[in-house]
All heavy atoms as atom14 arrays in JSON, in Angstrom:
{
  "sequence": "KICDLQVEEPKQWIERVLRSQVGVELAQVSLKSVNFVAVNHAPV",
  "atom14_mask": [
    [1, 1, 1, 1, 1, 1, 1, 1, 1, 0, 0, 0, 0, 0],
    [1, 1, 1, 1, 1, 1, 1, 1, 0, 0, 0, 0, 0, 0],
    [1, 1, 1, 1, 1, 1, 0, 0, 0, 0, 0, 0, 0, 0],
    [1, 1, 1, 1, 1, 1, 1, 1, 0, 0, 0, 0, 0, 0],
    [1, 1, 1, 1, 1, 1, 1, 1, 0, 0, 0, 0, 0, 0],
    [1, 1, 1, 1, 1, 1, 1, 1, 1, 0, 0, 0, 0, 0],
    [1, 1, 1, 1, 1, 1, 1, 0, 0, 0, 0, 0, 0, 0],
    [1, 1, 1, 1, 1, 1, 1, 1, 1, 0, 0, 0, 0, 0],
    [1, 1, 1, 1, 1, 1, 1, 1, 1, 0, 0, 0, 0, 0],
    [1, 1, 1, 1, 1, 1, 1, 0, 0, 0, 0, 0, 0, 0],
    [1, 1, 1, 1, 1, 1, 1, 1, 1, 0, 0, 0, 0, 0],
    [1, 1, 1, 1, 1, 1, 1, 1, 1, 0, 0, 0, 0, 0],
    [1, 1, 1, 1, 1, 1, 1, 1, 1, 1, 1, 1, 1, 1],
    [1, 1, 1, 1, 1, 1, 1, 1, 0, 0, 0, 0, 0, 0],
    [1, 1, 1, 1, 1, 1, 1, 1, 1, 0, 0, 0, 0, 0],
    [1, 1, 1, 1, 1, 1, 1, 1, 1, 1, 1, 0, 0, 0],
    [1, 1, 1, 1, 1, 1, 1, 0, 0, 0, 0, 0, 0, 0],
    [1, 1, 1, 1, 1, 1, 1, 1, 0, 0, 0, 0, 0, 0],
    [1, 1, 1, 1, 1, 1, 1, 1, 1, 1, 1, 0, 0, 0],
    [1, 1, 1, 1, 1, 1, 0, 0, 0, 0, 0, 0, 0, 0],
    [1, 1, 1, 1, 1, 1, 1, 1, 1, 0, 0, 0, 0, 0],
    [1, 1, 1, 1, 1, 1, 1, 0, 0, 0, 0, 0, 0, 0],
    [1, 1, 1, 1, 0, 0, 0, 0, 0, 0, 0, 0, 0, 0],
    [1, 1, 1, 1, 1, 1, 1, 0, 0, 0, 0, 0, 0, 0],
    [1, 1, 1, 1, 1, 1, 1, 1, 1, 0, 0, 0, 0, 0],
    [1, 1, 1, 1, 1, 1, 1, 1, 0, 0, 0, 0, 0, 0],
    [1, 1, 1, 1, 1, 0, 0, 0, 0, 0, 0, 0, 0, 0],
    [1, 1, 1, 1, 1, 1, 1, 1, 1, 0, 0, 0, 0, 0],
    [1, 1, 1, 1, 1, 1, 1, 0, 0, 0, 0, 0, 0, 0],
    [1, 1, 1, 1, 1, 1, 0, 0, 0, 0, 0, 0, 0, 0],
    [1, 1, 1, 1, 1, 1, 1, 1, 0, 0, 0, 0, 0, 0],
    [1, 1, 1, 1, 1, 1, 1, 1, 1, 0, 0, 0, 0, 0],
    [1, 1, 1, 1, 1, 1, 0, 0, 0, 0, 0, 0, 0, 0],
    [1, 1, 1, 1, 1, 1, 1, 0, 0, 0, 0, 0, 0, 0],
    [1, 1, 1, 1, 1, 1, 1, 1, 0, 0, 0, 0, 0, 0],
    [1, 1, 1, 1, 1, 1, 1, 1, 1, 1, 1, 0, 0, 0],
    [1, 1, 1, 1, 1, 1, 1, 0, 0, 0, 0, 0, 0, 0],
    [1, 1, 1, 1, 1, 0, 0, 0, 0, 0, 0, 0, 0, 0],
    [1, 1, 1, 1, 1, 1, 1, 0, 0, 0, 0, 0, 0, 0],
    [1, 1, 1, 1, 1, 1, 1, 1, 0, 0, 0, 0, 0, 0],
    [1, 1, 1, 1, 1, 1, 1, 1, 1, 1, 0, 0, 0, 0],
    [1, 1, 1, 1, 1, 0, 0, 0, 0, 0, 0, 0, 0, 0],
    [1, 1, 1, 1, 1, 1, 1, 0, 0, 0, 0, 0, 0, 0],
    [1, 1, 1, 1, 1, 1, 1, 0, 0, 0, 0, 0, 0, 0]
  ],
  "atom14_positions": [
    [[-1.6, -7.38, -5.68], [-2.3, -8.02, -4.57], [-2.2, -7.2, -3.29], [-2.74, -6.15, -3.19], [-1.8, -9.45, -4.33], [-1.89, -10.33, -5.54], [-3.27, -10.86, -5.72], [-3.24, -11.92, -6.8], [-4.35, -11.88, -7.65], [0.0, 0.0, 0.0], [0.0, 0.0, 0.0], [0.0, 0.0, 0.0], [0.0, 0.0, 0.0], [0.0, 0.0, 0.0]],
    [[-1.43, -7.66, -2.34], [-1.46, -7.11, -0.99], [-0.09, -6.62, -0.55], [0.92, -6.91, -1.19], [-1.94, -8.18, 0.0], [-1.11, -9.46, -0.19], [-3.4, -8.53, -0.2], [-0.44, -9.94, 1.01], [0.0, 0.0, 0.0], [0.0, 0.0, 0.0], [0.0, 0.0, 0.0], [0.0, 0.0, 0.0], [0.0, 0.0, 0.0], [0.0, 0.0, 0.0]],
    [[-0.09, -5.92, 0.56], [1.16, -5.56, 1.23], [1.29, -6.5, 2.42], [0.48, -6.43, 3.34], [1.12, -4.1, 1.67], [2.53, -3.62, 2.7], [0.0, 0.0, 0.0], [0.0, 0.0, 0.0], [0.0, 0.0, 0.0], [0.0, 0.0, 0.0], [0.0, 0.0, 0.0], [0.0, 0.0, 0.0], [0.0, 0.0, 0.0], [0.0, 0.0, 0.0]],
    [[2.26, -7.38, 2.38], [2.51, -8.3, 3.48], [3.36, -7.57, 4.51], [4.54, -7.29, 4.27], [3.24, -9.55, 2.96], [3.46, -10.59, 4.02], [3.41, -10.26, 5.23], [3.7, -11.75, 3.65], [0.0, 0.0, 0.0], [0.0, 0.0, 0.0], [0.0, 0.0, 0.0], [0.0, 0.0, 0.0], [0.0, 0.0, 0.0], [0.0, 0.0, 0.0]],
    [[2.77, -7.24, 5.64], [3.45, -6.45, 6.66], [4.62, -7.18, 7.3], [5.44, -6.56, 7.97], [2.44, -6.01, 7.73], [1.3, -5.13, 7.22], [0.28, -4.89, 8.31], [1.84, -3.82, 6.65], [0.0, 0.0, 0.0], [0.0, 0.0, 0.0], [0.0, 0.0, 0.0], [0.0, 0.0, 0.0], [0.0, 0.0, 0.0], [0.0, 0.0, 0.0]],
    [[4.72, -8.48, 7.09], [5.88, -9.23, 7.58], [7.08, -9.08, 6.66], [8.2, -9.4, 7.04], [5.52, -10.71, 7.72], [4.42, -10.94, 8.75], [4.1, -12.4, 8.86], [4.73, -13.12, 9.64], [3.14, -12.85, 8.08], [0.0, 0.0, 0.0], [0.0, 0.0, 0.0], [0.0, 0.0, 0.0], [0.0, 0.0, 0.0], [0.0, 0.0, 0.0]],
    [[6.83, -8.6, 5.43], [7.89, -8.49, 4.42], [8.32, -7.05, 4.21], [9.51, -6.76, 4.1], [7.42, -9.11, 3.08], [8.46, -8.91, 1.99], [7.1, -10.58, 3.27], [0.0, 0.0, 0.0], [0.0, 0.0, 0.0], [0.0, 0.0, 0.0], [0.0, 0.0, 0.0], [0.0, 0.0, 0.0], [0.0, 0.0, 0.0], [0.0, 0.0, 0.0]],
    [[7.37, -6.12, 4.13], [7.72, -4.72, 3.91], [6.71, -3.78, 4.55], [5.55, -4.13, 4.73], [7.89, -4.4, 2.42], [6.68, -4.54, 1.57], [6.97, -4.38, 0.07], [7.9, -3.67, -0.32], [6.22, -4.98, -0.71], [0.0, 0.0, 0.0], [0.0, 0.0, 0.0], [0.0, 0.0, 0.0], [0.0, 0.0, 0.0], [0.0, 0.0, 0.0]],
    [[7.19, -2.61, 4.89], [6.35, -1.55, 5.45], [5.47, -0.97, 4.35], [5.87, -0.98, 3.18], [7.23, -0.45, 6.04], [8.06, -0.88, 7.22], [7.19, -1.19, 8.44], [6.22, -0.46, 8.69], [7.5, -2.18, 9.12], [0.0, 0.0, 0.0], [0.0, 0.0, 0.0], [0.0, 0.0, 0.0], [0.0, 0.0, 0.0], [0.0, 0.0, 0.0]],
    [[4.29, -0.44, 4.7], [3.43, 0.15, 3.68], [4.12, 1.21, 2.83], [3.93, 1.25, 1.61], [2.28, 0.74, 4.49], [2.2, -0.14, 5.7], [3.63, -0.48, 6.01], [0.0, 0.0, 0.0], [0.0, 0.0, 0.0], [0.0, 0.0, 0.0], [0.0, 0.0, 0.0], [0.0, 0.0, 0.0], [0.0, 0.0, 0.0], [0.0, 0.0, 0.0]],
    [[4.93, 2.07, 3.43], [5.61, 3.11, 2.66], [6.54, 2.5, 1.62], [6.61, 2.96, 0.48], [6.38, 4.07, 3.57], [6.99, 5.22, 2.82], [7.67, 6.2, 3.74], [8.31, 7.32, 2.94], [9.04, 8.23, 3.8], [0.0, 0.0, 0.0], [0.0, 0.0, 0.0], [0.0, 0.0, 0.0], [0.0, 0.0, 0.0], [0.0, 0.0, 0.0]],
    [[7.25, 1.44, 1.98], [8.13, 0.75, 1.02], [7.31, 0.13, -0.1], [7.69, 0.2, -1.27], [8.94, -0.35, 1.73], [9.92, 0.15, 2.73], [10.47, -0.99, 3.58], [9.74, -1.91, 3.98], [11.76, -0.93, 3.87], [0.0, 0.0, 0.0], [0.0, 0.0, 0.0], [0.0, 0.0, 0.0], [0.0, 0.0, 0.0], [0.0, 0.0, 0.0]],
    [[6.19, -0.49, 0.23], [5.3, -1.09, -0.76], [4.82, -0.01, -1.73], [4.82, -0.19, -2.94], [4.13, -1.76, -0.05], [3.22, -2.57, -0.93], [3.3, -3.91, -1.16], [2.11, -2.1, -1.69], [2.28, -4.3, -2.01], [1.54, -3.2, -2.35], [1.52, -0.86, -1.89], [0.44, -3.11, -3.19], [0.42, -0.75, -2.72], [-0.11, -1.87, -3.36]],
    [[4.38, 1.13, -1.19], [3.87, 2.23, -2.01], [4.96, 2.75, -2.94], [4.71, 2.95, -4.14], [3.32, 3.36, -1.11], [2.05, 2.86, -0.4], [3.04, 4.63, -1.92], [1.6, 3.76, 0.76], [0.0, 0.0, 0.0], [0.0, 0.0, 0.0], [0.0, 0.0, 0.0], [0.0, 0.0, 0.0], [0.0, 0.0, 0.0], [0.0, 0.0, 0.0]],
    [[6.18, 2.95, -2.42], [7.29, 3.42, -3.26], [7.55, 2.45, -4.41], [7.69, 2.85, -5.57], [8.56, 3.59, -2.43], [8.51, 4.77, -1.49], [9.69, 4.83, -0.54], [10.26, 3.76, -0.18], [10.05, 5.95, -0.14], [0.0, 0.0, 0.0], [0.0, 0.0, 0.0], [0.0, 0.0, 0.0], [0.0, 0.0, 0.0], [0.0, 0.0, 0.0]],
    [[7.61, 1.16, -4.09], [7.89, 0.13, -5.1], [6.79, 0.08, -6.16], [7.04, 0.04, -7.36], [8.03, -1.23, -4.4], [8.29, -2.39, -5.33], [8.5, -3.7, -4.58], [7.42, -4.08, -3.7], [6.25, -4.6, -4.1], [6.03, -4.79, -5.39], [5.32, -4.94, -3.22], [0.0, 0.0, 0.0], [0.0, 0.0, 0.0], [0.0, 0.0, 0.0]],
    [[5.54, 0.11, -5.71], [4.4, 0.02, -6.63], [4.31, 1.25, -7.53], [4.07, 1.12, -8.74], [3.1, -0.21, -5.83], [1.88, -0.01, -6.7], [3.11, -1.61, -5.23], [0.0, 0.0, 0.0], [0.0, 0.0, 0.0], [0.0, 0.0, 0.0], [0.0, 0.0, 0.0], [0.0, 0.0, 0.0], [0.0, 0.0, 0.0], [0.0, 0.0, 0.0]],
    [[4.5, 2.44, -6.98], [4.44, 3.65, -7.81], [5.53, 3.64, -8.89], [5.27, 4.0, -10.03], [4.56, 4.9, -6.94], [3.33, 5.25, -6.11], [3.65, 6.41, -5.17], [2.14, 5.58, -6.99], [0.0, 0.0, 0.0], [0.0, 0.0, 0.0], [0.0, 0.0, 0.0], [0.0, 0.0, 0.0], [0.0, 0.0, 0.0], [0.0, 0.0, 0.0]],
    [[6.74, 3.23, -8.51], [7.82, 3.14, -9.51], [7.46, 2.12, -10.59], [7.6, 2.37, -11.78], [9.13, 2.72, -8.86], [9.93, 3.86, -8.33], [11.33, 3.41, -7.89], [11.63, 4.05, -6.63], [11.68, 3.45, -5.45], [11.52, 2.15, -5.34], [11.93, 4.13, -4.36], [0.0, 0.0, 0.0], [0.0, 0.0, 0.0], [0.0, 0.0, 0.0]],
    [[6.99, 0.96, -10.17], [6.69, -0.12, -11.1], [5.49, 0.16, -11.99], [5.52, -0.11, -13.19], [6.46, -1.4, -10.3], [6.02, -2.43, -11.13], [0.0, 0.0, 0.0], [0.0, 0.0, 0.0], [0.0, 0.0, 0.0], [0.0, 0.0, 0.0], [0.0, 0.0, 0.0], [0.0, 0.0, 0.0], [0.0, 0.0, 0.0], [0.0, 0.0, 0.0]],
    [[4.42, 0.68, -11.41], [3.19, 0.85, -12.16], [3.15, 2.12, -12.99], [2.67, 2.1, -14.12], [1.98, 0.82, -11.22], [1.75, -0.55, -10.62], [0.48, -0.62, -9.79], [-0.26, 0.34, -9.64], [0.24, -1.78, -9.23], [0.0, 0.0, 0.0], [0.0, 0.0, 0.0], [0.0, 0.0, 0.0], [0.0, 0.0, 0.0], [0.0, 0.0, 0.0]],
    [[3.63, 3.25, -12.43], [3.49, 4.52, -13.14], [4.78, 5.33, -13.22], [4.76, 6.49, -13.65], [2.34, 5.39, -12.55], [1.0, 4.76, -12.87], [2.51, 5.59, -11.06], [0.0, 0.0, 0.0], [0.0, 0.0, 0.0], [0.0, 0.0, 0.0], [0.0, 0.0, 0.0], [0.0, 0.0, 0.0], [0.0, 0.0, 0.0], [0.0, 0.0, 0.0]],
    [[5.92, 4.77, -12.82], [7.22, 5.4, -13.02], [7.42, 6.73, -12.31], [8.11, 7.6, -12.83], [0.0, 0.0, 0.0], [0.0, 0.0, 0.0], [0.0, 0.0, 0.0], [0.0, 0.0, 0.0], [0.0, 0.0, 0.0], [0.0, 0.0, 0.0], [0.0, 0.0, 0.0], [0.0, 0.0, 0.0], [0.0, 0.0, 0.0], [0.0, 0.0, 0.0]],
    [[6.86, 6.89, -11.1], [7.05, 8.12, -10.34], [7.66, 7.8, -8.99], [7.63, 6.66, -8.52], [5.73, 8.9, -10.15], [5.19, 9.4, -11.48], [4.7, 8.07, -9.42], [0.0, 0.0, 0.0], [0.0, 0.0, 0.0], [0.0, 0.0, 0.0], [0.0, 0.0, 0.0], [0.0, 0.0, 0.0], [0.0, 0.0, 0.0], [0.0, 0.0, 0.0]],
    [[8.23, 8.83, -8.36], [8.82, 8.69, -7.03], [7.86, 9.26, -5.99], [7.2, 10.28, -6.22], [10.16, 9.42, -6.96], [11.23, 8.83, -7.85], [11.62, 7.41, -7.47], [11.69, 7.1, -6.26], [11.84, 6.59, -8.39], [0.0, 0.0, 0.0], [0.0, 0.0, 0.0], [0.0, 0.0, 0.0], [0.0, 0.0, 0.0], [0.0, 0.0, 0.0]],
    [[7.81, 8.62, -4.85], [6.98, 9.06, -3.75], [7.57, 10.32, -3.13], [8.75, 10.36, -2.8], [6.89, 7.96, -2.7], [6.11, 8.27, -1.43], [4.64, 8.5, -1.75], [6.28, 7.14, -0.44], [0.0, 0.0, 0.0], [0.0, 0.0, 0.0], [0.0, 0.0, 0.0], [0.0, 0.0, 0.0], [0.0, 0.0, 0.0], [0.0, 0.0, 0.0]],
    [[6.76, 11.37, -2.97], [7.19, 12.59, -2.3], [6.65, 12.62, -0.86], [7.37, 12.94, 0.07], [6.72, 13.82, -3.06], [0.0, 0.0, 0.0], [0.0, 0.0, 0.0], [0.0, 0.0, 0.0], [0.0, 0.0, 0.0], [0.0, 0.0, 0.0], [0.0, 0.0, 0.0], [0.0, 0.0, 0.0], [0.0, 0.0, 0.0], [0.0, 0.0, 0.0]],
    [[5.37, 12.26, -0.71], [4.73, 12.3, 0.61], [3.55, 11.34, 0.6], [2.89, 11.17, -0.41], [4.25, 13.71, 0.89], [3.67, 13.91, 2.25], [3.26, 15.37, 2.48], [3.54, 16.24, 1.68], [2.59, 15.62, 3.58], [0.0, 0.0, 0.0], [0.0, 0.0, 0.0], [0.0, 0.0, 0.0], [0.0, 0.0, 0.0], [0.0, 0.0, 0.0]],
    [[3.32, 10.73, 1.75], [2.18, 9.8, 1.87], [1.54, 9.98, 3.23], [2.23, 10.21, 4.22], [2.63, 8.33, 1.65], [3.62, 7.9, 2.7], [1.44, 7.4, 1.63], [0.0, 0.0, 0.0], [0.0, 0.0, 0.0], [0.0, 0.0, 0.0], [0.0, 0.0, 0.0], [0.0, 0.0, 0.0], [0.0, 0.0, 0.0], [0.0, 0.0, 0.0]],
    [[0.21, 9.92, 3.27], [-0.5, 9.96, 4.55], [-1.69, 9.01, 4.48], [-2.36, 8.91, 3.45], [-0.94, 11.38, 4.9], [-1.82, 11.88, 3.93], [0.0, 0.0, 0.0], [0.0, 0.0, 0.0], [0.0, 0.0, 0.0], [0.0, 0.0, 0.0], [0.0, 0.0, 0.0], [0.0, 0.0, 0.0], [0.0, 0.0, 0.0], [0.0, 0.0, 0.0]],
    [[-1.93, 8.32, 5.57], [-3.05, 7.4, 5.66], [-4.33, 8.21, 5.79], [-4.46, 9.05, 6.67], [-2.88, 6.47, 6.87], [-3.97, 5.44, 7.09], [-4.05, 4.46, 5.93], [-3.71, 4.69, 8.4], [0.0, 0.0, 0.0], [0.0, 0.0, 0.0], [0.0, 0.0, 0.0], [0.0, 0.0, 0.0], [0.0, 0.0, 0.0], [0.0, 0.0, 0.0]],
    [[-5.29, 7.95, 4.89], [-6.55, 8.69, 4.89], [-7.64, 7.93, 5.64], [-8.38, 8.5, 6.41], [-6.99, 8.97, 3.46], [-8.28, 9.74, 3.35], [-8.52, 10.22, 1.95], [-9.85, 10.87, 1.76], [-10.21, 11.86, 2.73], [0.0, 0.0, 0.0], [0.0, 0.0, 0.0], [0.0, 0.0, 0.0], [0.0, 0.0, 0.0], [0.0, 0.0, 0.0]],
    [[-7.73, 6.63, 5.41], [-8.76, 5.83, 6.09], [-8.43, 4.35, 5.99], [-7.58, 3.94, 5.2], [-10.14, 6.1, 5.48], [-10.2, 5.64, 4.15], [0.0, 0.0, 0.0], [0.0, 0.0, 0.0], [0.0, 0.0, 0.0], [0.0, 0.0, 0.0], [0.0, 0.0, 0.0], [0.0, 0.0, 0.0], [0.0, 0.0, 0.0], [0.0, 0.0, 0.0]],
    [[-9.14, 3.56, 6.78], [-9.06, 2.1, 6.74], [-10.48, 1.61, 6.5], [-11.41, 2.02, 7.18], [-8.49, 1.51, 8.04], [-8.49, -0.01, 7.98], [-7.1, 2.05, 8.32], [0.0, 0.0, 0.0], [0.0, 0.0, 0.0], [0.0, 0.0, 0.0], [0.0, 0.0, 0.0], [0.0, 0.0, 0.0], [0.0, 0.0, 0.0], [0.0, 0.0, 0.0]],
    [[-10.63, 0.75, 5.5], [-11.95, 0.24, 5.13], [-11.98, -1.28, 5.27], [-11.09, -1.96, 4.78], [-12.28, 0.6, 3.68], [-12.5, 2.07, 3.5], [-13.61, 2.51, 3.3], [-11.44, 2.87, 3.57], [0.0, 0.0, 0.0], [0.0, 0.0, 0.0], [0.0, 0.0, 0.0], [0.0, 0.0, 0.0], [0.0, 0.0, 0.0], [0.0, 0.0, 0.0]],
    [[-13.02, -1.78, 5.94], [-13.25, -3.21, 6.04], [-14.37, -3.53, 5.07], [-15.54, -3.26, 5.36], [-13.61, -3.59, 7.48], [-12.49, -3.33, 8.45], [-12.44, -2.14, 9.16], [-11.49, -4.26, 8.63], [-11.4, -1.89, 10.04], [-10.43, -4.01, 9.5], [-10.4, -2.82, 10.21], [0.0, 0.0, 0.0], [0.0, 0.0, 0.0], [0.0, 0.0, 0.0]],
    [[-14.02, -4.08, 3.92], [-15.0, -4.26, 2.85], [-15.74, -5.59, 2.92], [-16.84, -5.71, 2.4], [-14.35, -4.07, 1.45], [-13.86, -2.65, 1.29], [-13.21, -5.04, 1.24], [0.0, 0.0, 0.0], [0.0, 0.0, 0.0], [0.0, 0.0, 0.0], [0.0, 0.0, 0.0], [0.0, 0.0, 0.0], [0.0, 0.0, 0.0], [0.0, 0.0, 0.0]],
    [[-15.14, -6.59, 3.54], [-15.78, -7.9, 3.7], [-15.03, -8.67, 4.78], [-13.86, -8.41, 5.05], [-15.76, -8.68, 2.38], [0.0, 0.0, 0.0], [0.0, 0.0, 0.0], [0.0, 0.0, 0.0], [0.0, 0.0, 0.0], [0.0, 0.0, 0.0], [0.0, 0.0, 0.0], [0.0, 0.0, 0.0], [0.0, 0.0, 0.0], [0.0, 0.0, 0.0]],
    [[-15.71, -9.63, 5.37], [-15.13, -10.41, 6.46], [-13.86, -11.14, 6.03], [-12.88, -11.19, 6.76], [-16.18, -11.42, 7.0], [-15.56, -12.34, 8.04], [-17.35, -10.67, 7.61], [0.0, 0.0, 0.0], [0.0, 0.0, 0.0], [0.0, 0.0, 0.0], [0.0, 0.0, 0.0], [0.0, 0.0, 0.0], [0.0, 0.0, 0.0], [0.0, 0.0, 0.0]],
    [[-13.84, -11.69, 4.81], [-12.69, -12.47, 4.34], [-11.68, -11.64, 3.57], [-10.78, -12.19, 2.96], [-13.16, -13.6, 3.43], [-14.12, -14.54, 4.11], [-14.44, -14.37, 5.28], [-14.59, -15.52, 3.4], [0.0, 0.0, 0.0], [0.0, 0.0, 0.0], [0.0, 0.0, 0.0], [0.0, 0.0, 0.0], [0.0, 0.0, 0.0], [0.0, 0.0, 0.0]],
    [[-11.82, -10.34, 3.56], [-11.0, -9.44, 2.73], [-10.0, -8.72, 3.61], [-10.34, -8.23, 4.69], [-11.94, -8.43, 2.06], [-11.34, -7.66, 0.94], [-10.43, -6.66, 1.14], [-11.55, -7.73, -0.39], [-10.1, -6.13, -0.03], [-10.76, -6.79, -0.97], [0.0, 0.0, 0.0], [0.0, 0.0, 0.0], [0.0, 0.0, 0.0], [0.0, 0.0, 0.0]],
    [[-8.76, -8.64, 3.17], [-7.76, -7.85, 3.9], [-8.24, -6.41, 4.01], [-8.89, -5.9, 3.1], [-6.42, -7.91, 3.19], [0.0, 0.0, 0.0], [0.0, 0.0, 0.0], [0.0, 0.0, 0.0], [0.0, 0.0, 0.0], [0.0, 0.0, 0.0], [0.0, 0.0, 0.0], [0.0, 0.0, 0.0], [0.0, 0.0, 0.0], [0.0, 0.0, 0.0]],
    [[-7.95, -5.73, 5.12], [-8.36, -4.33, 5.25], [-7.76, -3.48, 4.12], [-6.63, -3.7, 3.71], [-7.79, -3.9, 6.6], [-7.41, -5.15, 7.31], [-7.2, -6.2, 6.27], [0.0, 0.0, 0.0], [0.0, 0.0, 0.0], [0.0, 0.0, 0.0], [0.0, 0.0, 0.0], [0.0, 0.0, 0.0], [0.0, 0.0, 0.0], [0.0, 0.0, 0.0]],
    [[-8.55, -2.54, 3.63], [-8.08, -1.64, 2.58], [-7.63, -0.35, 3.25], [-8.42, 0.33, 3.9], [-9.19, -1.34, 1.54], [-8.69, -0.35, 0.5], [-9.64, -2.63, 0.88], [0.0, 0.0, 0.0], [0.0, 0.0, 0.0], [0.0, 0.0, 0.0], [0.0, 0.0, 0.0], [0.0, 0.0, 0.0], [0.0, 0.0, 0.0], [0.0, 0.0, 0.0]]
  ]
}
C-alpha cells in the first residue's frame, strides 16, 4: 500500500520493502519525480 509519513521515513519504507519483496539491501536512493495521478490518490 502506502508509506505513512507519520510512521516511517520514505528511506526506511524503501529499505523494508526491498528486503521483504526482493531480498536486497538499499545502497542509494534518490527522488526522481512526484506524480499526482488522481484527486483521491496519494501522491506517487
